[in-house]
Amino acid sequence: MPIWLILLILGAIVAVYIWSLYNQFVTIKTRIRASIQEIGNQLKRQAELIPNLVASVKGYIKHEKAIFTELTEARKAVIKAIDGENTQKLIDTGGRLQAALAPIRAVFESTPQLQAAGPTGKLMDELRDTVDKVMYSRRTLIDLTADYNVKVVTFPSNLVAKIFGFRQEPGLRTPEEGEHLEVGKEETKAPKVEF
């Protein structure tokens, strides 16, 4: 077999390998962005559920005005973080929202009359489901970022990463200029609860 044919075959194999690694980098980066967007979607949905939850339990904890104030402030902070396109702030305000919901959950669990109210129970289930989705989305983001970063620093994929300018992702970070979170209205539509 002529040497030029061997070199041509080896060159083709290397080109296909580089192409494959490039596509893997692009795929993982796209999934990381989608995961960040999903976290925003779920936090926004959770924030939209808050007014309905507050309306349904207000009669049971009228004396706890501070709870409602903190919930309202945390909800506004989440909405502002989504609109402000700051991923780390979005995660931080999501945690604040979780902390603000803790007293409401405690009242719900300790008040049988409230648990028996169909719409309130359904609303709490929706809220729990949304919290689970946020946790799952965060876990997905952490896993994707770790996989991507391992590829960026390990041989031979690190050579391809350097050639095409792929850099390590810091995980939860502030988006670069021009990047933004998009949360569609249909994706965050909250059910209305009326009493």
N, C-alpha and C. Protein backbone atom coordinates (compact mmCIF):
# COMPACT_ATOMS: atom_id res chain seq x y z
N MET A 1 0.86 -1.17 0.00
CA MET A 1 0.00 0.00 0.00
C MET A 1 0.91 1.24 0.00
N PRO A 2 0.62 2.19 -0.89
CA PRO A 2 1.47 3.38 -0.97
C PRO A 2 1.34 4.24 0.30
N ILE A 3 2.40 4.90 0.65
CA ILE A 3 2.44 5.72 1.86
C ILE A 3 1.44 6.87 1.80
N TRP A 4 1.22 7.45 0.63
CA TRP A 4 0.28 8.56 0.51
C TRP A 4 -1.14 8.10 0.83
N LEU A 5 -1.47 6.85 0.48
CA LEU A 5 -2.80 6.31 0.78
C LEU A 5 -2.97 6.10 2.29
N ILE A 6 -1.92 5.61 2.92
CA ILE A 6 -1.95 5.42 4.38
C ILE A 6 -2.12 6.77 5.08
N LEU A 7 -1.36 7.78 4.62
CA LEU A 7 -1.48 9.11 5.21
C LEU A 7 -2.86 9.71 4.97
N LEU A 8 -3.42 9.47 3.80
CA LEU A 8 -4.76 9.96 3.49
C LEU A 8 -5.80 9.31 4.40
N ILE A 9 -5.69 8.02 4.60
CA ILE A 9 -6.63 7.30 5.48
C ILE A 9 -6.49 7.80 6.93
N LEU A 10 -5.24 7.93 7.39
CA LEU A 10 -5.02 8.44 8.75
C LEU A 10 -5.55 9.87 8.89
N GLY A 11 -5.32 10.69 7.89
CA GLY A 11 -5.84 12.06 7.91
C GLY A 11 -7.35 12.09 7.98
N ALA A 12 -8.00 11.20 7.23
CA ALA A 12 -9.47 11.13 7.24
C ALA A 12 -9.97 10.69 8.61
N ILE A 13 -9.29 9.72 9.21
CA ILE A 13 -9.69 9.24 10.54
C ILE A 13 -9.55 10.37 11.57
N VAL A 14 -8.45 11.09 11.52
CA VAL A 14 -8.24 12.21 12.45
C VAL A 14 -9.29 13.29 12.24
N ALA A 15 -9.60 13.60 10.98
CA ALA A 15 -10.61 14.62 10.68
C ALA A 15 -11.98 14.22 11.21
N VAL A 16 -12.35 12.96 11.03
CA VAL A 16 -13.64 12.48 11.54
C VAL A 16 -13.65 12.54 13.07
N TYR A 17 -12.54 12.19 13.69
CA TYR A 17 -12.46 12.23 15.15
C TYR A 17 -12.59 13.67 15.66
N ILE A 18 -11.90 14.60 15.02
CA ILE A 18 -11.99 16.02 15.41
C ILE A 18 -13.41 16.52 15.22
N TRP A 19 -14.02 16.17 14.11
CA TRP A 19 -15.40 16.57 13.82
C TRP A 19 -16.34 16.03 14.90
N SER A 20 -16.14 14.77 15.28
CA SER A 20 -16.98 14.15 16.31
C SER A 20 -16.82 14.87 17.65
N LEU A 21 -15.59 15.16 18.05
CA LEU A 21 -15.36 15.87 19.31
C LEU A 21 -15.96 17.27 19.28
N TYR A 22 -15.81 17.96 18.17
CA TYR A 22 -16.39 19.30 18.03
C TYR A 22 -17.90 19.24 18.25
N ASN A 23 -18.55 18.27 17.60
CA ASN A 23 -20.00 18.12 17.76
C ASN A 23 -20.39 17.79 19.19
N GLN A 24 -19.57 17.01 19.88
CA GLN A 24 -19.85 16.71 21.29
C GLN A 24 -19.77 17.98 22.14
N PHE A 25 -18.76 18.81 21.89
CA PHE A 25 -18.65 20.07 22.63
C PHE A 25 -19.87 20.96 22.39
N VAL A 26 -20.25 21.09 21.14
CA VAL A 26 -21.40 21.94 20.80
C VAL A 26 -22.68 21.40 21.44
N THR A 27 -22.86 20.10 21.40
CA THR A 27 -24.05 19.48 21.98
C THR A 27 -24.13 19.72 23.49
N ILE A 28 -23.04 19.50 24.18
CA ILE A 28 -23.05 19.69 25.64
C ILE A 28 -23.27 21.16 25.99
N LYS A 29 -22.62 22.08 25.26
CA LYS A 29 -22.83 23.51 25.54
C LYS A 29 -24.28 23.90 25.33
N THR A 30 -24.90 23.37 24.30
CA THR A 30 -26.31 23.66 24.03
C THR A 30 -27.18 23.11 25.16
N ARG A 31 -26.88 21.93 25.63
CA ARG A 31 -27.65 21.34 26.73
C ARG A 31 -27.45 22.12 28.03
N ILE A 32 -26.26 22.67 28.24
CA ILE A 32 -26.01 23.50 29.43
C ILE A 32 -26.90 24.74 29.37
N ARG A 33 -26.94 25.41 28.21
CA ARG A 33 -27.79 26.60 28.07
C ARG A 33 -29.26 26.25 28.28
N ALA A 34 -29.68 25.11 27.73
CA ALA A 34 -31.07 24.69 27.90
C ALA A 34 -31.38 24.40 29.36
N SER A 35 -30.43 23.84 30.07
CA SER A 35 -30.62 23.54 31.49
C SER A 35 -30.77 24.82 32.31
N ILE A 36 -29.96 25.82 32.00
CA ILE A 36 -30.08 27.11 32.69
C ILE A 36 -31.45 27.72 32.41
N GLN A 37 -31.88 27.63 31.18
CA GLN A 37 -33.19 28.17 30.82
C GLN A 37 -34.31 27.42 31.55
N GLU A 38 -34.17 26.11 31.70
CA GLU A 38 -35.19 25.33 32.41
C GLU A 38 -35.25 25.73 33.88
N ILE A 39 -34.11 25.99 34.49
CA ILE A 39 -34.12 26.47 35.88
C ILE A 39 -34.92 27.77 35.97
N GLY A 40 -34.67 28.68 35.04
CA GLY A 40 -35.42 29.94 35.01
C GLY A 40 -36.90 29.72 34.81
N ASN A 41 -37.25 28.80 33.92
CA ASN A 41 -38.66 28.50 33.68
C ASN A 41 -39.35 28.01 34.95
N GLN A 42 -38.71 27.09 35.64
CA GLN A 42 -39.33 26.50 36.83
C GLN A 42 -39.39 27.50 37.99
N LEU A 43 -38.36 28.32 38.14
CA LEU A 43 -38.41 29.33 39.20
C LEU A 43 -39.49 30.36 38.91
N LYS A 44 -39.65 30.72 37.66
CA LYS A 44 -40.70 31.67 37.29
C LYS A 44 -42.07 31.04 37.56
N ARG A 45 -42.24 29.78 37.20
CA ARG A 45 -43.51 29.09 37.46
C ARG A 45 -43.80 29.06 38.96
N GLN A 46 -42.79 28.76 39.72
CA GLN A 46 -42.95 28.72 41.17
C GLN A 46 -43.35 30.10 41.68
N ALA A 47 -42.70 31.13 41.18
CA ALA A 47 -43.03 32.49 41.60
C ALA A 47 -44.46 32.85 41.22
N GLU A 48 -44.94 32.35 40.11
CA GLU A 48 -46.31 32.63 39.68
C GLU A 48 -47.34 31.87 40.51
N LEU A 49 -46.94 30.76 41.11
CA LEU A 49 -47.86 30.01 41.97
C LEU A 49 -48.05 30.69 43.33
N ILE A 50 -47.10 31.51 43.73
CA ILE A 50 -47.12 32.13 45.06
C ILE A 50 -48.39 32.93 45.34
N PRO A 51 -48.84 33.84 44.45
CA PRO A 51 -50.05 34.61 44.78
C PRO A 51 -51.26 33.72 45.07
N ASN A 52 -51.40 32.64 44.31
CA ASN A 52 -52.51 31.72 44.55
C ASN A 52 -52.37 31.01 45.89
N LEU A 53 -51.16 30.62 46.22
CA LEU A 53 -50.91 29.96 47.49
C LEU A 53 -51.19 30.92 48.65
N VAL A 54 -50.71 32.13 48.53
CA VAL A 54 -50.93 33.14 49.57
C VAL A 54 -52.43 33.38 49.76
N ALA A 55 -53.16 33.50 48.66
CA ALA A 55 -54.61 33.74 48.76
C ALA A 55 -55.31 32.58 49.45
N SER A 56 -54.84 31.36 49.20
CA SER A 56 -55.54 30.21 49.78
C SER A 56 -55.23 29.98 51.25
N VAL A 57 -54.09 30.44 51.75
CA VAL A 57 -53.76 30.19 53.16
C VAL A 57 -53.83 31.45 54.02
N LYS A 58 -54.14 32.57 53.42
CA LYS A 58 -54.12 33.84 54.15
C LYS A 58 -55.02 33.81 55.38
N GLY A 59 -56.17 33.22 55.27
CA GLY A 59 -57.10 33.18 56.38
C GLY A 59 -56.58 32.39 57.57
N TYR A 60 -55.68 31.44 57.33
CA TYR A 60 -55.17 30.60 58.40
C TYR A 60 -53.98 31.21 59.13
N ILE A 61 -53.29 32.13 58.49
CA ILE A 61 -52.13 32.73 59.14
C ILE A 61 -52.13 34.25 58.96
N LYS A 62 -53.26 34.85 59.32
CA LYS A 62 -53.41 36.30 59.19
C LYS A 62 -52.37 37.06 60.00
N HIS A 63 -52.01 36.51 61.15
CA HIS A 63 -51.09 37.20 62.05
C HIS A 63 -49.64 37.20 61.54
N GLU A 64 -49.35 36.44 60.54
CA GLU A 64 -47.98 36.32 60.04
C GLU A 64 -47.74 37.19 58.80
N LYS A 65 -47.89 38.48 58.98
CA LYS A 65 -47.71 39.40 57.86
C LYS A 65 -46.29 39.34 57.30
N ALA A 66 -45.32 39.09 58.16
CA ALA A 66 -43.91 39.03 57.72
C ALA A 66 -43.70 37.91 56.70
N ILE A 67 -44.42 36.80 56.87
CA ILE A 67 -44.31 35.69 55.91
C ILE A 67 -44.74 36.15 54.53
N PHE A 68 -45.88 36.83 54.47
CA PHE A 68 -46.40 37.28 53.18
C PHE A 68 -45.50 38.34 52.55
N THR A 69 -44.95 39.19 53.40
CA THR A 69 -44.04 40.22 52.89
C THR A 69 -42.79 39.58 52.29
N GLU A 70 -42.21 38.63 53.00
CA GLU A 70 -41.01 37.95 52.49
C GLU A 70 -41.31 37.16 51.22
N LEU A 71 -42.47 36.49 51.18
CA LEU A 71 -42.85 35.77 49.96
C LEU A 71 -42.98 36.71 48.78
N THR A 72 -43.62 37.83 49.00
CA THR A 72 -43.80 38.81 47.93
C THR A 72 -42.45 39.34 47.45
N GLU A 73 -41.58 39.66 48.39
CA GLU A 73 -40.26 40.19 48.02
C GLU A 73 -39.43 39.13 47.30
N ALA A 74 -39.48 37.89 47.79
CA ALA A 74 -38.72 36.81 47.14
C ALA A 74 -39.25 36.56 45.73
N ARG A 75 -40.55 36.60 45.57
CA ARG A 75 -41.17 36.40 44.26
C ARG A 75 -40.72 37.50 43.29
N LYS A 76 -40.76 38.74 43.74
CA LYS A 76 -40.31 39.86 42.90
C LYS A 76 -38.84 39.71 42.52
N ALA A 77 -38.04 39.25 43.47
CA ALA A 77 -36.61 39.08 43.21
C ALA A 77 -36.37 38.02 42.13
N VAL A 78 -37.15 36.93 42.17
CA VAL A 78 -37.02 35.89 41.15
C VAL A 78 -37.38 36.44 39.78
N ILE A 79 -38.50 37.13 39.70
CA ILE A 79 -38.93 37.71 38.42
C ILE A 79 -37.87 38.68 37.90
N LYS A 80 -37.34 39.51 38.80
CA LYS A 80 -36.32 40.48 38.41
C LYS A 80 -35.04 39.77 37.95
N ALA A 81 -34.68 38.69 38.63
CA ALA A 81 -33.47 37.95 38.26
C ALA A 81 -33.63 37.32 36.87
N ILE A 82 -34.81 36.82 36.57
CA ILE A 82 -35.06 36.25 35.24
C ILE A 82 -34.98 37.35 34.20
N ASP A 83 -35.64 38.46 34.47
CA ASP A 83 -35.62 39.59 33.53
C ASP A 83 -34.24 40.21 33.42
N GLY A 84 -33.45 40.14 34.50
CA GLY A 84 -32.12 40.72 34.51
C GLY A 84 -31.05 39.85 33.88
N GLU A 85 -31.40 38.64 33.52
CA GLU A 85 -30.50 37.73 32.81
C GLU A 85 -29.24 37.38 33.61
N ASN A 86 -29.33 37.27 34.91
CA ASN A 86 -28.19 36.94 35.75
C ASN A 86 -28.43 35.55 36.34
N THR A 87 -27.75 34.55 35.80
CA THR A 87 -27.99 33.16 36.18
C THR A 87 -27.71 32.91 37.66
N GLN A 88 -26.58 33.40 38.17
CA GLN A 88 -26.25 33.16 39.57
C GLN A 88 -27.27 33.83 40.49
N LYS A 89 -27.68 35.03 40.15
CA LYS A 89 -28.69 35.73 40.95
C LYS A 89 -30.01 34.98 40.90
N LEU A 90 -30.32 34.41 39.74
CA LEU A 90 -31.53 33.61 39.59
C LEU A 90 -31.52 32.44 40.56
N ILE A 91 -30.41 31.74 40.65
CA ILE A 91 -30.29 30.60 41.56
C ILE A 91 -30.39 31.07 43.01
N ASP A 92 -29.72 32.17 43.34
CA ASP A 92 -29.75 32.70 44.71
C ASP A 92 -31.16 33.11 45.12
N THR A 93 -31.87 33.80 44.22
CA THR A 93 -33.23 34.23 44.56
C THR A 93 -34.18 33.04 44.62
N GLY A 94 -33.88 32.01 43.85
CA GLY A 94 -34.68 30.79 43.95
C GLY A 94 -34.56 30.17 45.33
N GLY A 95 -33.35 30.19 45.89
CA GLY A 95 -33.14 29.70 47.25
C GLY A 95 -33.87 30.54 48.28
N ARG A 96 -33.86 31.84 48.06
CA ARG A 96 -34.59 32.75 48.96
C ARG A 96 -36.09 32.45 48.92
N LEU A 97 -36.59 32.17 47.72
CA LEU A 97 -38.01 31.84 47.57
C LEU A 97 -38.33 30.54 48.31
N GLN A 98 -37.44 29.56 48.22
CA GLN A 98 -37.64 28.29 48.93
C GLN A 98 -37.71 28.52 50.44
N ALA A 99 -36.81 29.35 50.95
CA ALA A 99 -36.80 29.64 52.39
C ALA A 99 -38.07 30.36 52.82
N ALA A 100 -38.56 31.25 51.97
CA ALA A 100 -39.78 32.00 52.30
C ALA A 100 -41.00 31.10 52.30
N LEU A 101 -40.96 30.03 51.53
CA LEU A 101 -42.10 29.11 51.47
C LEU A 101 -42.16 28.15 52.66
N ALA A 102 -41.07 27.98 53.37
CA ALA A 102 -41.02 27.02 54.48
C ALA A 102 -42.12 27.24 55.52
N PRO A 103 -42.38 28.47 56.00
CA PRO A 103 -43.45 28.65 56.99
C PRO A 103 -44.83 28.29 56.43
N ILE A 104 -45.05 28.58 55.15
CA ILE A 104 -46.34 28.23 54.52
C ILE A 104 -46.52 26.72 54.50
N ARG A 105 -45.45 26.01 54.15
CA ARG A 105 -45.52 24.54 54.14
C ARG A 105 -45.81 24.00 55.55
N ALA A 106 -45.17 24.60 56.55
CA ALA A 106 -45.38 24.15 57.93
C ALA A 106 -46.83 24.34 58.35
N VAL A 107 -47.41 25.48 58.02
CA VAL A 107 -48.82 25.74 58.34
C VAL A 107 -49.70 24.75 57.60
N PHE A 108 -49.41 24.52 56.34
CA PHE A 108 -50.21 23.60 55.54
C PHE A 108 -50.19 22.19 56.13
N GLU A 109 -49.01 21.72 56.53
CA GLU A 109 -48.88 20.37 57.06
C GLU A 109 -49.50 20.23 58.45
N SER A 110 -49.57 21.31 59.21
CA SER A 110 -50.11 21.22 60.56
C SER A 110 -51.58 21.61 60.66
N THR A 111 -52.21 21.96 59.55
CA THR A 111 -53.60 22.40 59.56
C THR A 111 -54.45 21.47 58.70
N PRO A 112 -55.17 20.52 59.35
CA PRO A 112 -55.97 19.56 58.58
C PRO A 112 -57.04 20.22 57.71
N GLN A 113 -57.64 21.32 58.19
CA GLN A 113 -58.67 21.99 57.40
C GLN A 113 -58.09 22.51 56.08
N LEU A 114 -56.89 23.00 56.15
CA LEU A 114 -56.23 23.54 54.97
C LEU A 114 -55.86 22.41 54.01
N GLN A 115 -55.41 21.29 54.55
CA GLN A 115 -55.07 20.15 53.71
C GLN A 115 -56.31 19.61 53.01
N ALA A 116 -57.44 19.69 53.68
CA ALA A 116 -58.68 19.16 53.12
C ALA A 116 -59.22 20.04 52.00
N ALA A 117 -58.84 21.29 51.97
CA ALA A 117 -59.31 22.19 50.92
C ALA A 117 -58.69 21.75 49.60
N GLY A 118 -59.50 21.25 48.69
CA GLY A 118 -59.04 20.71 47.42
C GLY A 118 -58.09 21.60 46.64
N PRO A 119 -58.49 22.84 46.36
CA PRO A 119 -57.61 23.70 45.57
C PRO A 119 -56.27 23.98 46.25
N THR A 120 -56.29 24.12 47.57
CA THR A 120 -55.05 24.40 48.28
C THR A 120 -54.12 23.19 48.23
N GLY A 121 -54.68 22.01 48.42
CA GLY A 121 -53.88 20.79 48.33
C GLY A 121 -53.28 20.62 46.94
N LYS A 122 -54.09 20.90 45.93
CA LYS A 122 -53.60 20.79 44.55
C LYS A 122 -52.50 21.81 44.30
N LEU A 123 -52.67 22.99 44.84
CA LEU A 123 -51.68 24.04 44.68
C LEU A 123 -50.36 23.65 45.36
N MET A 124 -50.43 23.08 46.55
CA MET A 124 -49.22 22.63 47.23
C MET A 124 -48.54 21.52 46.45
N ASP A 125 -49.34 20.62 45.86
CA ASP A 125 -48.75 19.57 45.02
C ASP A 125 -48.03 20.17 43.81
N GLU A 126 -48.64 21.17 43.20
CA GLU A 126 -48.01 21.86 42.06
C GLU A 126 -46.69 22.49 42.50
N LEU A 127 -46.72 23.11 43.67
CA LEU A 127 -45.53 23.77 44.18
C LEU A 127 -44.42 22.75 44.47
N ARG A 128 -44.77 21.64 45.09
CA ARG A 128 -43.79 20.58 45.35
C ARG A 128 -43.20 20.05 44.05
N ASP A 129 -44.09 19.84 43.07
CA ASP A 129 -43.65 19.35 41.77
C ASP A 129 -42.67 20.34 41.12
N THR A 130 -42.97 21.61 41.23
CA THR A 130 -42.10 22.64 40.65
C THR A 130 -40.76 22.67 41.37
N VAL A 131 -40.77 22.53 42.69
CA VAL A 131 -39.53 22.49 43.46
C VAL A 131 -38.68 21.30 43.02
N ASP A 132 -39.32 20.16 42.83
CA ASP A 132 -38.60 18.97 42.35
C ASP A 132 -37.99 19.21 40.97
N LYS A 133 -38.73 19.90 40.11
CA LYS A 133 -38.21 20.19 38.77
C LYS A 133 -37.02 21.14 38.83
N VAL A 134 -37.07 22.10 39.74
CA VAL A 134 -35.93 23.02 39.90
C VAL A 134 -34.70 22.23 40.35
N MET A 135 -34.88 21.35 41.34
CA MET A 135 -33.75 20.56 41.83
C MET A 135 -33.19 19.66 40.73
N TYR A 136 -34.08 19.04 39.95
CA TYR A 136 -33.64 18.18 38.85
C TYR A 136 -32.87 19.00 37.81
N SER A 137 -33.37 20.18 37.49
CA SER A 137 -32.71 21.04 36.50
C SER A 137 -31.33 21.48 37.00
N ARG A 138 -31.23 21.78 38.27
CA ARG A 138 -29.93 22.17 38.83
C ARG A 138 -28.95 21.00 38.77
N ARG A 139 -29.44 19.81 39.11
CA ARG A 139 -28.59 18.62 39.06
C ARG A 139 -28.12 18.36 37.63
N THR A 140 -29.03 18.52 36.68
CA THR A 140 -28.68 18.34 35.28
C THR A 140 -27.60 19.33 34.87
N LEU A 141 -27.76 20.58 35.27
CA LEU A 141 -26.77 21.61 34.95
C LEU A 141 -25.41 21.27 35.54
N ILE A 142 -25.40 20.84 36.77
CA ILE A 142 -24.14 20.47 37.43
C ILE A 142 -23.47 19.32 36.69
N ASP A 143 -24.25 18.29 36.34
CA ASP A 143 -23.70 17.13 35.63
C ASP A 143 -23.17 17.50 34.25
N LEU A 144 -23.96 18.27 33.51
CA LEU A 144 -23.54 18.67 32.17
C LEU A 144 -22.27 19.52 32.22
N THR A 145 -22.22 20.44 33.16
CA THR A 145 -21.04 21.30 33.28
C THR A 145 -19.81 20.48 33.64
N ALA A 146 -19.98 19.51 34.53
CA ALA A 146 -18.85 18.65 34.91
C ALA A 146 -18.37 17.83 33.70
N ASP A 147 -19.30 17.23 32.96
CA ASP A 147 -18.93 16.44 31.77
C ASP A 147 -18.19 17.30 30.75
N TYR A 148 -18.72 18.48 30.51
CA TYR A 148 -18.12 19.40 29.54
C TYR A 148 -16.71 19.80 29.98
N ASN A 149 -16.57 20.17 31.25
CA ASN A 149 -15.27 20.61 31.75
C ASN A 149 -14.23 19.50 31.72
N VAL A 150 -14.66 18.27 31.96
CA VAL A 150 -13.73 17.13 31.87
C VAL A 150 -13.24 16.99 30.43
N LYS A 151 -14.14 17.12 29.47
CA LYS A 151 -13.74 17.04 28.06
C LYS A 151 -12.77 18.16 27.68
N VAL A 152 -13.00 19.35 28.22
CA VAL A 152 -12.15 20.50 27.87
C VAL A 152 -10.71 20.30 28.37
N VAL A 153 -10.52 19.59 29.47
CA VAL A 153 -9.18 19.49 30.06
C VAL A 153 -8.49 18.15 29.84
N THR A 154 -9.18 17.14 29.32
CA THR A 154 -8.54 15.83 29.16
C THR A 154 -8.05 15.63 27.73
N PHE A 155 -6.97 14.89 27.62
CA PHE A 155 -6.37 14.59 26.33
C PHE A 155 -7.14 13.47 25.66
N PRO A 156 -7.37 13.48 24.40
CA PRO A 156 -6.99 14.41 23.35
C PRO A 156 -8.06 15.46 23.06
N SER A 157 -9.20 15.37 23.76
CA SER A 157 -10.27 16.34 23.47
C SER A 157 -9.86 17.77 23.82
N ASN A 158 -8.90 17.93 24.74
CA ASN A 158 -8.44 19.28 25.07
C ASN A 158 -7.76 19.96 23.88
N LEU A 159 -7.16 19.19 23.00
CA LEU A 159 -6.54 19.76 21.79
C LEU A 159 -7.61 20.35 20.88
N VAL A 160 -8.69 19.61 20.71
CA VAL A 160 -9.80 20.09 19.89
C VAL A 160 -10.44 21.31 20.54
N ALA A 161 -10.58 21.27 21.87
CA ALA A 161 -11.16 22.41 22.59
C ALA A 161 -10.32 23.67 22.36
N LYS A 162 -9.01 23.53 22.41
CA LYS A 162 -8.14 24.69 22.19
C LYS A 162 -8.24 25.20 20.76
N ILE A 163 -8.28 24.29 19.80
CA ILE A 163 -8.37 24.69 18.39
C ILE A 163 -9.63 25.51 18.13
N PHE A 164 -10.75 25.07 18.70
CA PHE A 164 -12.04 25.72 18.42
C PHE A 164 -12.46 26.72 19.50
N GLY A 165 -11.61 26.95 20.49
CA GLY A 165 -11.88 27.98 21.49
C GLY A 165 -12.89 27.60 22.56
N PHE A 166 -13.06 26.32 22.82
CA PHE A 166 -13.96 25.91 23.90
C PHE A 166 -13.22 26.06 25.22
N ARG A 167 -13.87 26.69 26.18
CA ARG A 167 -13.27 26.92 27.50
C ARG A 167 -14.16 26.30 28.57
N GLN A 168 -13.56 26.11 29.76
CA GLN A 168 -14.33 25.54 30.86
C GLN A 168 -15.51 26.43 31.20
N GLU A 169 -16.62 25.80 31.54
CA GLU A 169 -17.82 26.50 32.00
C GLU A 169 -17.76 26.58 33.52
N PRO A 170 -18.02 27.74 34.10
CA PRO A 170 -17.96 27.86 35.55
C PRO A 170 -19.18 27.29 36.26
N GLY A 171 -20.14 26.78 35.52
CA GLY A 171 -21.36 26.28 36.16
C GLY A 171 -22.37 27.38 36.24
N LEU A 172 -22.82 27.68 37.43
CA LEU A 172 -23.78 28.76 37.61
C LEU A 172 -23.01 30.07 37.54
N ARG A 173 -23.28 30.82 36.51
CA ARG A 173 -22.52 32.03 36.25
C ARG A 173 -23.42 33.08 35.64
N THR A 174 -22.89 34.28 35.56
CA THR A 174 -23.59 35.37 34.88
C THR A 174 -23.39 35.18 33.38
N PRO A 175 -24.47 35.21 32.58
CA PRO A 175 -24.31 35.03 31.14
C PRO A 175 -23.42 36.12 30.53
N GLU A 176 -22.72 35.75 29.48
CA GLU A 176 -21.89 36.70 28.74
C GLU A 176 -22.77 37.73 28.07
N GLU A 177 -22.17 38.85 27.67
CA GLU A 177 -22.92 39.88 26.96
C GLU A 177 -23.51 39.28 25.69
N GLY A 178 -24.77 39.51 25.48
CA GLY A 178 -25.45 38.97 24.31
C GLY A 178 -26.23 37.70 24.61
N GLU A 179 -25.84 36.97 25.67
CA GLU A 179 -26.60 35.79 26.07
C GLU A 179 -27.78 36.25 26.91
N HIS A 180 -28.85 35.49 26.87
CA HIS A 180 -30.00 35.84 27.69
C HIS A 180 -30.85 34.61 27.95
N LEU A 181 -31.60 34.70 29.03
CA LEU A 181 -32.55 33.65 29.37
C LEU A 181 -33.89 34.00 28.76
N GLU A 182 -34.49 33.04 28.14
CA GLU A 182 -35.81 33.27 27.57
C GLU A 182 -36.81 32.37 28.28
N VAL A 183 -37.82 32.96 28.83
CA VAL A 183 -38.85 32.22 29.51
C VAL A 183 -40.16 32.56 28.82
N GLY A 184 -40.73 31.57 28.14
CA GLY A 184 -41.98 31.80 27.43
C GLY A 184 -43.16 31.89 28.37
N LYS A 185 -44.14 32.70 28.00
CA LYS A 185 -45.31 32.89 28.85
C LYS A 185 -46.10 31.59 29.02
N GLU A 186 -46.20 30.80 27.98
CA GLU A 186 -46.95 29.55 28.08
C GLU A 186 -46.26 28.56 29.02
N GLU A 187 -44.94 28.59 29.04
CA GLU A 187 -44.18 27.66 29.88
C GLU A 187 -44.32 27.98 31.36
N THR A 188 -44.68 29.20 31.68
CA THR A 188 -44.73 29.61 33.08
C THR A 188 -46.14 29.96 33.53
N LYS A 189 -47.11 29.62 32.74
CA LYS A 189 -48.49 29.98 33.08
C LYS A 189 -48.92 29.25 34.35
N ALA A 190 -49.42 30.00 35.30
CA ALA A 190 -49.81 29.43 36.59
C ALA A 190 -51.32 29.19 36.62
N PRO A 191 -51.73 28.10 37.26
CA PRO A 191 -53.16 27.89 37.41
C PRO A 191 -53.76 28.92 38.36
N LYS A 192 -54.96 29.36 38.08
CA LYS A 192 -55.65 30.33 38.94
C LYS A 192 -56.48 29.57 39.97
N VAL A 193 -56.43 30.04 41.19
CA VAL A 193 -57.21 29.45 42.27
C VAL A 193 -58.15 30.52 42.78
N GLU A 194 -59.44 30.21 42.78
CA GLU A 194 -60.42 31.18 43.27
C GLU A 194 -61.26 30.52 44.36
N PHE A 195 -61.50 31.27 45.42
CA PHE A 195 -62.32 30.76 46.52
C PHE A 195 -63.60 31.54 46.62
